[in-house]
């Protein structure tokens, strides 16, 4: 399970924090522009969560059904 939260939107770039297993201490982050698909920054969470899967799973759950981006959310898998 991974939680995410929108921190800010600056010049079209969305700044999200990523919390693996809901752990705010070992957070990661991603900054991207959804209009241009430009990735500005990607920071994997600290160990033991230092794996690309956390950010990938979070990004997969960021969009609402209408295509807008969520302010916060959670993605779970098994």
N, C-alpha and C. Protein backbone atom coordinates (compact mmCIF):
# COMPACT_ATOMS: atom_id res chain seq x y z
N UNK A 1 0.84 -1.17 0.00
CA UNK A 1 0.00 0.00 0.00
C UNK A 1 0.89 1.24 0.00
N UNK A 2 0.48 2.23 -0.77
CA UNK A 2 1.21 3.49 -0.81
C UNK A 2 0.20 4.63 -0.77
N UNK A 3 0.52 5.65 0.01
CA UNK A 3 -0.30 6.85 0.06
C UNK A 3 0.46 7.97 -0.65
N UNK A 4 -0.29 8.94 -1.16
CA UNK A 4 0.33 10.09 -1.81
C UNK A 4 -0.43 11.35 -1.46
N UNK A 5 0.27 12.49 -1.55
CA UNK A 5 -0.35 13.77 -1.23
C UNK A 5 0.24 14.86 -2.12
N UNK A 6 -0.63 15.65 -2.70
CA UNK A 6 -0.19 16.79 -3.51
C UNK A 6 0.29 17.89 -2.58
N UNK A 7 1.51 18.34 -2.79
CA UNK A 7 2.11 19.37 -1.96
C UNK A 7 1.91 20.74 -2.58
N UNK A 8 2.08 20.84 -3.90
CA UNK A 8 1.99 22.13 -4.57
C UNK A 8 1.88 21.94 -6.07
N UNK A 9 1.42 22.97 -6.74
CA UNK A 9 1.44 23.04 -8.20
C UNK A 9 2.10 24.36 -8.56
N UNK A 10 3.22 24.28 -9.27
CA UNK A 10 3.97 25.48 -9.65
C UNK A 10 4.28 25.41 -11.13
N UNK A 11 3.83 26.41 -11.87
CA UNK A 11 4.09 26.49 -13.31
C UNK A 11 3.72 25.21 -14.05
N UNK A 12 2.61 24.60 -13.67
CA UNK A 12 2.14 23.39 -14.34
C UNK A 12 2.75 22.10 -13.83
N UNK A 13 3.71 22.18 -12.91
CA UNK A 13 4.34 20.99 -12.33
C UNK A 13 3.67 20.64 -11.00
N UNK A 14 3.31 19.38 -10.87
CA UNK A 14 2.66 18.87 -9.68
C UNK A 14 3.69 18.22 -8.77
N UNK A 15 3.74 18.66 -7.53
CA UNK A 15 4.69 18.17 -6.54
C UNK A 15 3.95 17.24 -5.58
N UNK A 16 4.28 15.96 -5.63
CA UNK A 16 3.64 14.95 -4.79
C UNK A 16 4.65 14.33 -3.84
N UNK A 17 4.21 14.06 -2.61
CA UNK A 17 4.98 13.23 -1.69
C UNK A 17 4.36 11.84 -1.71
N UNK A 18 5.21 10.83 -1.59
CA UNK A 18 4.81 9.43 -1.64
C UNK A 18 5.16 8.79 -0.30
N UNK A 19 4.20 8.08 0.30
CA UNK A 19 4.41 7.46 1.61
C UNK A 19 4.20 5.95 1.52
N UNK A 20 5.28 5.17 1.38
CA UNK A 20 5.12 3.71 1.31
C UNK A 20 4.61 3.17 2.65
N UNK A 21 3.60 2.32 2.58
CA UNK A 21 2.97 1.75 3.77
C UNK A 21 2.47 2.86 4.71
N UNK A 22 2.23 4.05 4.16
CA UNK A 22 1.75 5.17 4.97
C UNK A 22 2.81 5.80 5.85
N UNK A 23 4.07 5.43 5.66
CA UNK A 23 5.19 5.86 6.49
C UNK A 23 5.68 7.24 6.05
N UNK A 24 5.35 8.28 6.84
CA UNK A 24 5.73 9.64 6.46
C UNK A 24 7.21 9.92 6.68
N UNK A 25 7.88 9.11 7.48
CA UNK A 25 9.31 9.30 7.72
C UNK A 25 10.14 8.91 6.50
N UNK A 26 9.80 7.80 5.87
CA UNK A 26 10.55 7.30 4.71
C UNK A 26 9.87 7.66 3.40
N UNK A 27 9.54 8.90 3.24
CA UNK A 27 8.78 9.33 2.06
C UNK A 27 9.67 9.53 0.84
N UNK A 28 9.03 9.46 -0.30
CA UNK A 28 9.67 9.77 -1.56
C UNK A 28 8.89 10.90 -2.21
N UNK A 29 9.20 11.18 -3.46
CA UNK A 29 8.48 12.25 -4.13
C UNK A 29 8.62 12.19 -5.63
N UNK A 30 7.72 12.91 -6.27
CA UNK A 30 7.75 13.00 -7.72
C UNK A 30 7.21 14.37 -8.12
N UNK A 31 7.87 14.97 -9.12
CA UNK A 31 7.45 16.26 -9.66
C UNK A 31 7.32 16.09 -11.16
N UNK A 32 6.13 16.36 -11.69
CA UNK A 32 5.90 16.16 -13.12
C UNK A 32 4.84 17.12 -13.63
N UNK A 33 4.85 17.30 -14.94
CA UNK A 33 3.85 18.11 -15.62
C UNK A 33 2.94 17.17 -16.38
N UNK A 34 1.67 17.04 -15.98
CA UNK A 34 0.78 16.09 -16.65
C UNK A 34 0.40 16.49 -18.07
N UNK A 35 0.52 17.76 -18.40
CA UNK A 35 0.19 18.22 -19.76
C UNK A 35 1.27 17.84 -20.77
N UNK A 36 2.53 17.95 -20.36
CA UNK A 36 3.64 17.68 -21.27
C UNK A 36 4.29 16.32 -21.01
N UNK A 37 3.87 15.64 -19.92
CA UNK A 37 4.46 14.37 -19.49
C UNK A 37 5.93 14.50 -19.13
N UNK A 38 6.35 15.71 -18.76
CA UNK A 38 7.74 15.94 -18.37
C UNK A 38 7.93 15.57 -16.90
N UNK A 39 8.91 14.74 -16.64
CA UNK A 39 9.28 14.38 -15.27
C UNK A 39 10.44 15.26 -14.85
N UNK A 40 10.23 16.07 -13.82
CA UNK A 40 11.25 17.00 -13.36
C UNK A 40 12.14 16.38 -12.28
N UNK A 41 11.51 15.61 -11.37
CA UNK A 41 12.27 15.02 -10.28
C UNK A 41 11.56 13.78 -9.77
N UNK A 42 12.35 12.78 -9.42
CA UNK A 42 11.82 11.53 -8.85
C UNK A 42 12.76 11.13 -7.73
N UNK A 43 12.23 11.01 -6.52
CA UNK A 43 13.03 10.64 -5.37
C UNK A 43 12.42 9.41 -4.73
N UNK A 44 13.12 8.29 -4.81
CA UNK A 44 12.62 7.07 -4.18
C UNK A 44 12.64 7.22 -2.67
N UNK A 45 11.71 6.55 -1.97
CA UNK A 45 11.73 6.57 -0.51
C UNK A 45 13.02 5.96 0.02
N UNK A 46 13.29 6.21 1.29
CA UNK A 46 14.46 5.65 1.95
C UNK A 46 14.29 4.14 2.15
N UNK A 47 15.41 3.44 2.39
CA UNK A 47 15.37 2.01 2.69
C UNK A 47 14.51 1.77 3.92
N UNK A 48 13.77 0.74 3.98
CA UNK A 48 13.73 -0.41 3.09
C UNK A 48 12.76 -0.25 1.92
N UNK A 49 12.30 0.96 1.69
CA UNK A 49 11.32 1.21 0.63
C UNK A 49 11.94 1.79 -0.63
N UNK A 50 13.24 1.68 -0.79
CA UNK A 50 13.97 2.31 -1.90
C UNK A 50 13.83 1.49 -3.18
N UNK A 51 12.62 1.37 -3.65
CA UNK A 51 12.30 0.58 -4.82
C UNK A 51 11.39 1.42 -5.72
N UNK A 52 11.56 1.32 -7.02
CA UNK A 52 10.76 2.09 -7.96
C UNK A 52 9.26 1.80 -7.89
N UNK A 53 8.89 0.64 -7.36
CA UNK A 53 7.48 0.25 -7.38
C UNK A 53 6.59 1.23 -6.63
N UNK A 54 7.10 1.87 -5.58
CA UNK A 54 6.26 2.75 -4.76
C UNK A 54 5.78 3.95 -5.57
N UNK A 55 6.68 4.60 -6.27
CA UNK A 55 6.29 5.76 -7.07
C UNK A 55 5.42 5.33 -8.23
N UNK A 56 5.76 4.23 -8.87
CA UNK A 56 4.95 3.73 -9.98
C UNK A 56 3.52 3.43 -9.58
N UNK A 57 3.35 2.76 -8.45
CA UNK A 57 2.01 2.46 -7.96
C UNK A 57 1.26 3.74 -7.60
N UNK A 58 1.93 4.67 -6.96
CA UNK A 58 1.28 5.93 -6.58
C UNK A 58 0.80 6.68 -7.82
N UNK A 59 1.65 6.79 -8.83
CA UNK A 59 1.28 7.51 -10.05
C UNK A 59 0.08 6.85 -10.71
N UNK A 60 0.01 5.52 -10.65
CA UNK A 60 -1.10 4.82 -11.29
C UNK A 60 -2.45 5.15 -10.65
N UNK A 61 -2.45 5.65 -9.42
CA UNK A 61 -3.70 5.97 -8.75
C UNK A 61 -3.99 7.44 -8.59
N UNK A 62 -3.21 8.30 -9.22
CA UNK A 62 -3.36 9.74 -9.02
C UNK A 62 -4.49 10.38 -9.81
N UNK A 63 -4.95 9.75 -10.86
CA UNK A 63 -5.99 10.37 -11.69
C UNK A 63 -7.39 9.99 -11.24
N UNK A 64 -8.28 10.99 -11.24
CA UNK A 64 -9.70 10.76 -11.05
C UNK A 64 -10.29 10.22 -12.34
N UNK A 65 -11.52 9.74 -12.29
CA UNK A 65 -12.17 9.21 -13.49
C UNK A 65 -12.33 10.26 -14.57
N UNK A 66 -12.43 11.54 -14.18
CA UNK A 66 -12.59 12.61 -15.17
C UNK A 66 -11.25 13.12 -15.71
N UNK A 67 -10.14 12.49 -15.28
CA UNK A 67 -8.83 12.85 -15.80
C UNK A 67 -8.08 13.87 -14.97
N UNK A 68 -8.73 14.50 -14.01
CA UNK A 68 -8.04 15.45 -13.13
C UNK A 68 -7.19 14.67 -12.13
N UNK A 69 -6.23 15.36 -11.53
CA UNK A 69 -5.35 14.71 -10.57
C UNK A 69 -5.88 14.88 -9.15
N UNK A 70 -5.75 13.84 -8.36
CA UNK A 70 -6.21 13.85 -6.98
C UNK A 70 -5.26 14.66 -6.10
N UNK A 71 -5.82 15.22 -5.02
CA UNK A 71 -5.01 15.93 -4.04
C UNK A 71 -4.32 14.95 -3.08
N UNK A 72 -4.94 13.82 -2.86
CA UNK A 72 -4.35 12.78 -2.02
C UNK A 72 -5.06 11.46 -2.34
N UNK A 73 -4.44 10.38 -1.90
CA UNK A 73 -5.06 9.08 -2.13
C UNK A 73 -4.19 7.94 -1.66
N UNK A 74 -4.66 6.75 -1.98
CA UNK A 74 -3.98 5.54 -1.57
C UNK A 74 -4.16 4.49 -2.67
N UNK A 75 -3.13 3.71 -2.90
CA UNK A 75 -3.18 2.61 -3.84
C UNK A 75 -2.74 1.36 -3.09
N UNK A 76 -3.54 0.30 -3.18
CA UNK A 76 -3.19 -0.96 -2.54
C UNK A 76 -3.16 -2.07 -3.59
N UNK A 77 -2.33 -3.05 -3.37
CA UNK A 77 -2.21 -4.19 -4.28
C UNK A 77 -1.79 -5.39 -3.45
N UNK A 78 -1.85 -6.53 -4.06
CA UNK A 78 -1.43 -7.75 -3.36
C UNK A 78 -0.73 -8.67 -4.31
